[in-house]
């Protein structure tokens, strides 16, 4: 009994200390040439309220790792623990086109068990948070790409998860819309103190947003290097400090790509 209580206490303590804990995680997939190792011995923690970006070349396993953290797949080795169930936001908005913006958000509230008479008010609050007040009755086809991503973000926030997983959510947007949404995401993260694990292949985006940038090596993905971003928010993507750190990270990324090409 004492051992059981100790393990329960350890689990509660871990949940308090980490929004996500990834320990020695590897992932392989079956391929024509046998098992293909995609992720190799990844160890990474995300603290409560921390904003971490995962960066790396295409195919390095960033999205695979995010799917593992989300619980959409199981690691081949190692363990992943999260403080509750994470919310996941994709590059595509994945909104239901036959529902209004408000009803898309309400669906997440319904699945969470929020009472019907409370959903409309909470949805309006979330629309206000992402600066889409008045858009409750708008259909998906009436929204711009940026507005659709704001609704998708509101729907993810409706889950009230302590960890938000974002898989290149702004990659398909034009530069100006993406820059505006960087500002909005930074503001919302500051207001809600949700933990964020954000996947991108854009170095400047990684530095613009994150408190910590984690670089994965080319396949198999391993943690190659980390940077703590000490640049005060709000940041601009064109800021000198952002540009200088981006150059440093880009050079390291190039070295990883060249190293991969030699094997």
C-alpha atoms as a PDB file:
ATOM      1  CA  UNK A   1       0.000   0.000   0.000  1.00  0.00           C
ATOM      2  CA  UNK A   2       2.823   2.393   0.864  1.00  0.00           C
ATOM      3  CA  UNK A   3       4.418   1.729  -2.526  1.00  0.00           C
ATOM      4  CA  UNK A   4       1.109   2.412  -4.314  1.00  0.00           C
ATOM      5  CA  UNK A   5       0.656   5.683  -2.446  1.00  0.00           C
ATOM      6  CA  UNK A   6       4.217   6.710  -3.242  1.00  0.00           C
ATOM      7  CA  UNK A   7       3.676   6.038  -6.954  1.00  0.00           C
ATOM      8  CA  UNK A   8       0.435   8.043  -6.898  1.00  0.00           C
ATOM      9  CA  UNK A   9       2.222  10.922  -5.190  1.00  0.00           C
ATOM     10  CA  UNK A  10       5.028  10.760  -7.737  1.00  0.00           C
ATOM     11  CA  UNK A  11       2.490  10.893 -10.566  1.00  0.00           C
ATOM     12  CA  UNK A  12       0.734  13.911  -9.054  1.00  0.00           C
ATOM     13  CA  UNK A  13       4.069  15.658  -8.571  1.00  0.00           C
ATOM     14  CA  UNK A  14       5.081  14.928 -12.174  1.00  0.00           C
ATOM     15  CA  UNK A  15       1.775  16.345 -13.421  1.00  0.00           C
ATOM     16  CA  UNK A  16       2.371  19.510 -11.410  1.00  0.00           C
ATOM     17  CA  UNK A  17       5.909  19.911 -12.775  1.00  0.00           C
ATOM     18  CA  UNK A  18       5.327  19.044 -16.438  1.00  0.00           C
ATOM     19  CA  UNK A  19       2.592  19.718 -18.949  1.00  0.00           C
ATOM     20  CA  UNK A  20       4.259  16.984 -21.002  1.00  0.00           C
ATOM     21  CA  UNK A  21       7.115  14.593 -20.277  1.00  0.00           C
ATOM     22  CA  UNK A  22       8.647  12.626 -23.139  1.00  0.00           C
ATOM     23  CA  UNK A  23      11.156  10.033 -21.923  1.00  0.00           C
ATOM     24  CA  UNK A  24      13.446   8.040 -24.244  1.00  0.00           C
ATOM     25  CA  UNK A  25      10.773   7.836 -26.940  1.00  0.00           C
ATOM     26  CA  UNK A  26      11.490   6.035 -30.202  1.00  0.00           C
ATOM     27  CA  UNK A  27       9.112   5.319 -33.060  1.00  0.00           C
ATOM     28  CA  UNK A  28       9.463   2.925 -35.981  1.00  0.00           C
ATOM     29  CA  UNK A  29       7.161   2.246 -38.922  1.00  0.00           C
ATOM     30  CA  UNK A  30       7.063  -0.774 -41.192  1.00  0.00           C
ATOM     31  CA  UNK A  31       8.410  -0.034 -44.670  1.00  0.00           C
ATOM     32  CA  UNK A  32       9.427  -1.897 -47.843  1.00  0.00           C
ATOM     33  CA  UNK A  33      12.939  -2.361 -46.435  1.00  0.00           C
ATOM     34  CA  UNK A  34      11.719  -3.400 -42.983  1.00  0.00           C
ATOM     35  CA  UNK A  35      11.288  -1.259 -39.879  1.00  0.00           C
ATOM     36  CA  UNK A  36      12.107   2.422 -40.470  1.00  0.00           C
ATOM     37  CA  UNK A  37      13.280   4.329 -37.393  1.00  0.00           C
ATOM     38  CA  UNK A  38      11.678   7.790 -37.433  1.00  0.00           C
ATOM     39  CA  UNK A  39      12.326   8.986 -33.870  1.00  0.00           C
ATOM     40  CA  UNK A  40      15.264   7.829 -31.781  1.00  0.00           C
ATOM     41  CA  UNK A  41      15.487   8.215 -27.990  1.00  0.00           C
ATOM     42  CA  UNK A  42      13.721  11.571 -27.641  1.00  0.00           C
ATOM     43  CA  UNK A  43      13.650  13.039 -24.140  1.00  0.00           C
ATOM     44  CA  UNK A  44      11.876  16.374 -23.719  1.00  0.00           C
ATOM     45  CA  UNK A  45       9.833  18.144 -21.049  1.00  0.00           C
ATOM     46  CA  UNK A  46       7.330  20.979 -21.442  1.00  0.00           C
ATOM     47  CA  UNK A  47       6.796  22.949 -18.243  1.00  0.00           C
ATOM     48  CA  UNK A  48       3.388  24.332 -17.214  1.00  0.00           C
ATOM     49  CA  UNK A  49       2.758  27.544 -19.108  1.00  0.00           C
ATOM     50  CA  UNK A  50       5.826  27.090 -21.340  1.00  0.00           C
ATOM     51  CA  UNK A  51       5.850  27.755 -25.094  1.00  0.00           C
ATOM     52  CA  UNK A  52       8.159  25.304 -26.911  1.00  0.00           C
ATOM     53  CA  UNK A  53       8.692  25.085 -30.661  1.00  0.00           C
ATOM     54  CA  UNK A  54       9.863  21.916 -32.401  1.00  0.00           C
ATOM     55  CA  UNK A  55      11.992  22.689 -35.422  1.00  0.00           C
ATOM     56  CA  UNK A  56      13.648  20.509 -38.040  1.00  0.00           C
ATOM     57  CA  UNK A  57      13.908  19.602 -41.690  1.00  0.00           C
ATOM     58  CA  UNK A  58      10.946  18.034 -43.477  1.00  0.00           C
ATOM     59  CA  UNK A  59      10.585  14.368 -42.582  1.00  0.00           C
ATOM     60  CA  UNK A  60      12.524  14.564 -39.323  1.00  0.00           C
ATOM     61  CA  UNK A  61       9.561  13.308 -37.278  1.00  0.00           C
ATOM     62  CA  UNK A  62       8.171  16.543 -35.801  1.00  0.00           C
ATOM     63  CA  UNK A  63       4.544  15.741 -36.622  1.00  0.00           C
ATOM     64  CA  UNK A  64       5.041  12.109 -35.635  1.00  0.00           C
ATOM     65  CA  UNK A  65       6.199  13.218 -32.194  1.00  0.00           C
ATOM     66  CA  UNK A  66       3.246  15.578 -31.855  1.00  0.00           C
ATOM     67  CA  UNK A  67       0.846  12.748 -32.741  1.00  0.00           C
ATOM     68  CA  UNK A  68       2.456  10.578 -30.067  1.00  0.00           C
ATOM     69  CA  UNK A  69       2.034  13.307 -27.450  1.00  0.00           C
ATOM     70  CA  UNK A  70      -1.585  13.750 -28.565  1.00  0.00           C
ATOM     71  CA  UNK A  71      -2.198  10.033 -28.038  1.00  0.00           C
ATOM     72  CA  UNK A  72      -3.050   9.414 -31.697  1.00  0.00           C
ATOM     73  CA  UNK A  73      -0.317   6.765 -31.874  1.00  0.00           C
ATOM     74  CA  UNK A  74       1.867   4.779 -29.480  1.00  0.00           C
ATOM     75  CA  UNK A  75       5.663   5.001 -29.221  1.00  0.00           C
ATOM     76  CA  UNK A  76       7.691   1.924 -30.106  1.00  0.00           C
ATOM     77  CA  UNK A  77       9.786   2.536 -26.994  1.00  0.00           C
ATOM     78  CA  UNK A  78       9.805   4.980 -24.109  1.00  0.00           C
ATOM     79  CA  UNK A  79       6.940   6.775 -22.373  1.00  0.00           C
ATOM     80  CA  UNK A  80       4.904   9.968 -22.667  1.00  0.00           C
ATOM     81  CA  UNK A  81       2.885  11.536 -19.866  1.00  0.00           C
ATOM     82  CA  UNK A  82       0.770  14.689 -20.080  1.00  0.00           C
ATOM     83  CA  UNK A  83      -1.130  16.757 -17.549  1.00  0.00           C
ATOM     84  CA  UNK A  84      -4.571  15.777 -18.782  1.00  0.00           C
ATOM     85  CA  UNK A  85      -5.599  15.279 -22.378  1.00  0.00           C
ATOM     86  CA  UNK A  86      -3.930  17.694 -24.844  1.00  0.00           C
ATOM     87  CA  UNK A  87      -5.806  19.733 -27.451  1.00  0.00           C
ATOM     88  CA  UNK A  88      -4.541  19.458 -31.021  1.00  0.00           C
ATOM     89  CA  UNK A  89      -4.621  22.055 -33.800  1.00  0.00           C
ATOM     90  CA  UNK A  90      -3.576  21.131 -37.349  1.00  0.00           C
ATOM     91  CA  UNK A  91      -2.334  23.023 -40.401  1.00  0.00           C
ATOM     92  CA  UNK A  92      -5.794  22.555 -41.903  1.00  0.00           C
ATOM     93  CA  UNK A  93      -8.568  24.085 -39.822  1.00  0.00           C
ATOM     94  CA  UNK A  94     -10.637  20.838 -39.888  1.00  0.00           C
ATOM     95  CA  UNK A  95     -13.860  22.773 -39.237  1.00  0.00           C
ATOM     96  CA  UNK A  96     -17.177  21.164 -40.138  1.00  0.00           C
ATOM     97  CA  UNK A  97     -18.440  23.171 -43.145  1.00  0.00           C
ATOM     98  CA  UNK A  98     -22.102  22.476 -42.431  1.00  0.00           C
ATOM     99  CA  UNK A  99     -21.826  24.136 -39.002  1.00  0.00           C
ATOM    100  CA  UNK A 100     -21.418  27.815 -38.193  1.00  0.00           C
ATOM    101  CA  UNK A 101     -18.278  29.101 -36.509  1.00  0.00           C
ATOM    102  CA  UNK A 102     -20.112  29.129 -33.194  1.00  0.00           C
ATOM    103  CA  UNK A 103     -21.520  25.640 -33.588  1.00  0.00           C
ATOM    104  CA  UNK A 104     -18.043  24.279 -34.413  1.00  0.00           C
ATOM    105  CA  UNK A 105     -16.823  25.612 -31.082  1.00  0.00           C
ATOM    106  CA  UNK A 106     -19.935  24.460 -29.227  1.00  0.00           C
ATOM    107  CA  UNK A 107     -19.317  20.923 -30.437  1.00  0.00           C
ATOM    108  CA  UNK A 108     -16.070  20.824 -28.449  1.00  0.00           C
ATOM    109  CA  UNK A 109     -17.910  22.137 -25.395  1.00  0.00           C
ATOM    110  CA  UNK A 110     -20.629  19.494 -25.830  1.00  0.00           C
ATOM    111  CA  UNK A 111     -18.041  16.709 -26.022  1.00  0.00           C
ATOM    112  CA  UNK A 112     -16.498  18.085 -22.833  1.00  0.00           C
ATOM    113  CA  UNK A 113     -19.861  17.821 -21.074  1.00  0.00           C
ATOM    114  CA  UNK A 114     -20.672  21.534 -20.793  1.00  0.00           C
ATOM    115  CA  UNK A 115     -24.391  22.037 -20.213  1.00  0.00           C
ATOM    116  CA  UNK A 116     -26.389  23.161 -23.251  1.00  0.00           C
ATOM    117  CA  UNK A 117     -27.584  26.374 -21.605  1.00  0.00           C
ATOM    118  CA  UNK A 118     -23.951  27.397 -20.910  1.00  0.00           C
ATOM    119  CA  UNK A 119     -22.446  26.662 -24.318  1.00  0.00           C
ATOM    120  CA  UNK A 120     -23.547  29.791 -26.201  1.00  0.00           C
ATOM    121  CA  UNK A 121     -22.136  32.152 -23.563  1.00  0.00           C
ATOM    122  CA  UNK A 122     -18.840  30.286 -23.361  1.00  0.00           C
ATOM    123  CA  UNK A 123     -18.596  30.177 -27.161  1.00  0.00           C
ATOM    124  CA  UNK A 124     -19.102  33.935 -27.374  1.00  0.00           C
ATOM    125  CA  UNK A 125     -16.328  34.381 -24.796  1.00  0.00           C
ATOM    126  CA  UNK A 126     -13.967  32.229 -26.865  1.00  0.00           C
ATOM    127  CA  UNK A 127     -14.842  34.093 -30.068  1.00  0.00           C
ATOM    128  CA  UNK A 128     -14.059  37.312 -28.232  1.00  0.00           C
ATOM    129  CA  UNK A 129     -10.743  35.865 -27.057  1.00  0.00           C
ATOM    130  CA  UNK A 130      -9.659  35.162 -30.654  1.00  0.00           C
ATOM    131  CA  UNK A 131     -11.100  38.535 -31.774  1.00  0.00           C
ATOM    132  CA  UNK A 132     -13.980  37.152 -33.799  1.00  0.00           C
ATOM    133  CA  UNK A 133     -16.799  38.735 -31.838  1.00  0.00           C
ATOM    134  CA  UNK A 134     -19.982  38.638 -33.883  1.00  0.00           C
ATOM    135  CA  UNK A 135     -18.905  35.673 -36.016  1.00  0.00           C
ATOM    136  CA  UNK A 136     -21.031  33.054 -34.234  1.00  0.00           C
ATOM    137  CA  UNK A 137     -23.476  32.607 -37.149  1.00  0.00           C
ATOM    138  CA  UNK A 138     -20.940  32.797 -39.974  1.00  0.00           C
ATOM    139  CA  UNK A 139     -20.474  29.683 -42.109  1.00  0.00           C
ATOM    140  CA  UNK A 140     -16.996  28.335 -42.777  1.00  0.00           C
ATOM    141  CA  UNK A 141     -17.093  29.410 -46.448  1.00  0.00           C
ATOM    142  CA  UNK A 142     -17.734  33.002 -45.323  1.00  0.00           C
ATOM    143  CA  UNK A 143     -14.496  33.109 -43.319  1.00  0.00           C
ATOM    144  CA  UNK A 144     -11.018  33.948 -44.573  1.00  0.00           C
ATOM    145  CA  UNK A 145      -8.160  31.503 -43.984  1.00  0.00           C
ATOM    146  CA  UNK A 146      -6.977  33.471 -40.987  1.00  0.00           C
ATOM    147  CA  UNK A 147     -10.471  33.623 -39.509  1.00  0.00           C
ATOM    148  CA  UNK A 148     -10.890  29.878 -39.946  1.00  0.00           C
ATOM    149  CA  UNK A 149      -7.676  29.273 -38.010  1.00  0.00           C
ATOM    150  CA  UNK A 150      -8.922  31.591 -35.262  1.00  0.00           C
ATOM    151  CA  UNK A 151     -12.100  29.502 -34.993  1.00  0.00           C
ATOM    152  CA  UNK A 152      -9.990  26.332 -34.925  1.00  0.00           C
ATOM    153  CA  UNK A 153      -7.906  27.881 -32.132  1.00  0.00           C
ATOM    154  CA  UNK A 154     -11.045  28.820 -30.197  1.00  0.00           C
ATOM    155  CA  UNK A 155     -12.324  25.260 -30.609  1.00  0.00           C
ATOM    156  CA  UNK A 156      -9.020  23.886 -29.278  1.00  0.00           C
ATOM    157  CA  UNK A 157      -9.170  26.285 -26.314  1.00  0.00           C
ATOM    158  CA  UNK A 158     -12.771  25.168 -25.654  1.00  0.00           C
ATOM    159  CA  UNK A 159     -11.353  21.823 -24.531  1.00  0.00           C
ATOM    160  CA  UNK A 160      -9.683  23.650 -21.611  1.00  0.00           C
ATOM    161  CA  UNK A 161      -6.627  21.434 -21.896  1.00  0.00           C
ATOM    162  CA  UNK A 162      -3.455  22.399 -20.097  1.00  0.00           C
ATOM    163  CA  UNK A 163      -1.405  21.548 -23.196  1.00  0.00           C
ATOM    164  CA  UNK A 164      -2.046  22.854 -26.715  1.00  0.00           C
ATOM    165  CA  UNK A 165      -0.357  20.952 -29.556  1.00  0.00           C
ATOM    166  CA  UNK A 166      -0.036  22.925 -32.798  1.00  0.00           C
ATOM    167  CA  UNK A 167       1.144  21.292 -36.032  1.00  0.00           C
ATOM    168  CA  UNK A 168       2.220  24.080 -38.431  1.00  0.00           C
ATOM    169  CA  UNK A 169      -1.143  25.854 -37.987  1.00  0.00           C
ATOM    170  CA  UNK A 170      -0.151  28.978 -39.953  1.00  0.00           C
ATOM    171  CA  UNK A 171       1.908  27.380 -42.754  1.00  0.00           C
ATOM    172  CA  UNK A 172      -0.796  27.776 -45.411  1.00  0.00           C
ATOM    173  CA  UNK A 173      -1.448  31.459 -44.675  1.00  0.00           C
ATOM    174  CA  UNK A 174       0.048  34.492 -46.368  1.00  0.00           C
ATOM    175  CA  UNK A 175       2.867  36.315 -44.567  1.00  0.00           C
ATOM    176  CA  UNK A 176       0.785  39.241 -43.270  1.00  0.00           C
ATOM    177  CA  UNK A 177      -2.027  37.024 -41.928  1.00  0.00           C
ATOM    178  CA  UNK A 178       0.546  34.727 -40.343  1.00  0.00           C
ATOM    179  CA  UNK A 179       2.226  37.697 -38.649  1.00  0.00           C
ATOM    180  CA  UNK A 180      -1.093  38.910 -37.251  1.00  0.00           C
ATOM    181  CA  UNK A 181      -1.878  35.445 -35.911  1.00  0.00           C
ATOM    182  CA  UNK A 182       1.574  35.262 -34.304  1.00  0.00           C
ATOM    183  CA  UNK A 183       0.581  38.351 -32.313  1.00  0.00           C
ATOM    184  CA  UNK A 184      -2.794  36.867 -31.443  1.00  0.00           C
ATOM    185  CA  UNK A 185      -1.365  33.526 -30.365  1.00  0.00           C
ATOM    186  CA  UNK A 186       1.235  35.236 -28.176  1.00  0.00           C
ATOM    187  CA  UNK A 187      -1.492  37.329 -26.543  1.00  0.00           C
ATOM    188  CA  UNK A 188      -3.787  34.338 -25.973  1.00  0.00           C
ATOM    189  CA  UNK A 189      -0.932  32.235 -24.583  1.00  0.00           C
ATOM    190  CA  UNK A 190      -0.070  35.076 -22.184  1.00  0.00           C
ATOM    191  CA  UNK A 191      -3.695  35.465 -21.083  1.00  0.00           C
ATOM    192  CA  UNK A 192      -4.498  31.768 -20.653  1.00  0.00           C
ATOM    193  CA  UNK A 193      -1.071  30.438 -19.565  1.00  0.00           C
ATOM    194  CA  UNK A 194      -1.727  27.242 -21.508  1.00  0.00           C
ATOM    195  CA  UNK A 195       1.385  25.219 -22.345  1.00  0.00           C
ATOM    196  CA  UNK A 196       2.145  25.086 -26.074  1.00  0.00           C
ATOM    197  CA  UNK A 197       4.154  22.591 -28.125  1.00  0.00           C
ATOM    198  CA  UNK A 198       4.329  24.104 -31.612  1.00  0.00           C
ATOM    199  CA  UNK A 199       5.718  22.323 -34.685  1.00  0.00           C
ATOM    200  CA  UNK A 200       7.183  24.402 -37.512  1.00  0.00           C
ATOM    201  CA  UNK A 201       9.840  24.262 -40.212  1.00  0.00           C
ATOM    202  CA  UNK A 202      10.077  28.080 -40.221  1.00  0.00           C
ATOM    203  CA  UNK A 203      13.054  29.183 -38.108  1.00  0.00           C
ATOM    204  CA  UNK A 204      11.933  32.785 -37.705  1.00  0.00           C
ATOM    205  CA  UNK A 205       8.450  31.658 -36.663  1.00  0.00           C
ATOM    206  CA  UNK A 206      10.025  29.388 -34.049  1.00  0.00           C
ATOM    207  CA  UNK A 207      12.113  32.221 -32.593  1.00  0.00           C
ATOM    208  CA  UNK A 208       9.271  34.756 -32.881  1.00  0.00           C
ATOM    209  CA  UNK A 209       6.934  32.654 -30.737  1.00  0.00           C
ATOM    210  CA  UNK A 210       8.818  30.407 -28.346  1.00  0.00           C
ATOM    211  CA  UNK A 211      10.459  30.549 -24.971  1.00  0.00           C
ATOM    212  CA  UNK A 212      12.489  27.525 -26.048  1.00  0.00           C
ATOM    213  CA  UNK A 213      13.383  26.170 -29.495  1.00  0.00           C
ATOM    214  CA  UNK A 214      14.159  22.461 -29.845  1.00  0.00           C
ATOM    215  CA  UNK A 215      15.946  21.324 -33.009  1.00  0.00           C
ATOM    216  CA  UNK A 216      15.435  17.758 -34.198  1.00  0.00           C
ATOM    217  CA  UNK A 217      18.059  16.114 -36.378  1.00  0.00           C
ATOM    218  CA  UNK A 218      17.158  14.663 -39.754  1.00  0.00           C
ATOM    219  CA  UNK A 219      15.710  11.151 -39.745  1.00  0.00           C
ATOM    220  CA  UNK A 220      15.865   9.478 -37.407  1.00  0.00           C
ATOM    221  CA  UNK A 221      14.810  12.469 -35.346  1.00  0.00           C
ATOM    222  CA  UNK A 222      16.866  13.094 -32.242  1.00  0.00           C
ATOM    223  CA  UNK A 223      17.132  16.204 -30.063  1.00  0.00           C
ATOM    224  CA  UNK A 224      20.133  17.879 -31.672  1.00  0.00           C
ATOM    225  CA  UNK A 225      20.164  21.138 -29.715  1.00  0.00           C
ATOM    226  CA  UNK A 226      17.989  23.510 -27.685  1.00  0.00           C
ATOM    227  CA  UNK A 227      17.954  27.284 -27.354  1.00  0.00           C
ATOM    228  CA  UNK A 228      16.346  29.373 -24.610  1.00  0.00           C
ATOM    229  CA  UNK A 229      14.893  32.481 -26.251  1.00  0.00           C
ATOM    230  CA  UNK A 230      15.571  35.371 -23.877  1.00  0.00           C
ATOM    231  CA  UNK A 231      14.083  38.037 -26.158  1.00  0.00           C
ATOM    232  CA  UNK A 232      11.244  39.903 -24.382  1.00  0.00           C
ATOM    233  CA  UNK A 233       7.738  39.669 -25.783  1.00  0.00           C
ATOM    234  CA  UNK A 234       6.127  41.222 -27.715  1.00  0.00           C
ATOM    235  CA  UNK A 235       8.560  40.351 -30.508  1.00  0.00           C
ATOM    236  CA  UNK A 236       8.411  41.120 -34.192  1.00  0.00           C
ATOM    237  CA  UNK A 237       9.599  38.641 -36.787  1.00  0.00           C
ATOM    238  CA  UNK A 238      11.829  41.356 -38.261  1.00  0.00           C
ATOM    239  CA  UNK A 239      13.438  42.336 -34.918  1.00  0.00           C
ATOM    240  CA  UNK A 240      17.231  42.331 -34.957  1.00  0.00           C
ATOM    241  CA  UNK A 241      17.496  39.930 -32.012  1.00  0.00           C
ATOM    242  CA  UNK A 242      15.018  37.531 -33.639  1.00  0.00           C
ATOM    243  CA  UNK A 243      16.954  37.694 -36.912  1.00  0.00           C
ATOM    244  CA  UNK A 244      20.323  37.073 -35.226  1.00  0.00           C
ATOM    245  CA  UNK A 245      19.143  34.018 -33.293  1.00  0.00           C
ATOM    246  CA  UNK A 246      17.368  32.748 -36.412  1.00  0.00           C
ATOM    247  CA  UNK A 247      20.655  32.886 -38.341  1.00  0.00           C
ATOM    248  CA  UNK A 248      22.399  30.868 -35.631  1.00  0.00           C
ATOM    249  CA  UNK A 249      19.656  28.231 -35.574  1.00  0.00           C
ATOM    250  CA  UNK A 250      19.518  28.094 -39.380  1.00  0.00           C
ATOM    251  CA  UNK A 251      23.244  27.364 -39.542  1.00  0.00           C
ATOM    252  CA  UNK A 252      22.809  24.512 -37.073  1.00  0.00           C
ATOM    253  CA  UNK A 253      19.853  23.204 -39.095  1.00  0.00           C
ATOM    254  CA  UNK A 254      21.962  23.279 -42.264  1.00  0.00           C
ATOM    255  CA  UNK A 255      24.696  21.308 -40.517  1.00  0.00           C
ATOM    256  CA  UNK A 256      22.149  18.691 -39.496  1.00  0.00           C
ATOM    257  CA  UNK A 257      20.836  18.425 -43.059  1.00  0.00           C
ATOM    258  CA  UNK A 258      24.366  18.105 -44.476  1.00  0.00           C
ATOM    259  CA  UNK A 259      25.256  15.500 -41.859  1.00  0.00           C
ATOM    260  CA  UNK A 260      22.177  13.493 -42.825  1.00  0.00           C
ATOM    261  CA  UNK A 261      23.119  13.736 -46.503  1.00  0.00           C
ATOM    262  CA  UNK A 262      26.500  12.133 -45.811  1.00  0.00           C
ATOM    263  CA  UNK A 263      24.947   8.936 -44.496  1.00  0.00           C
END
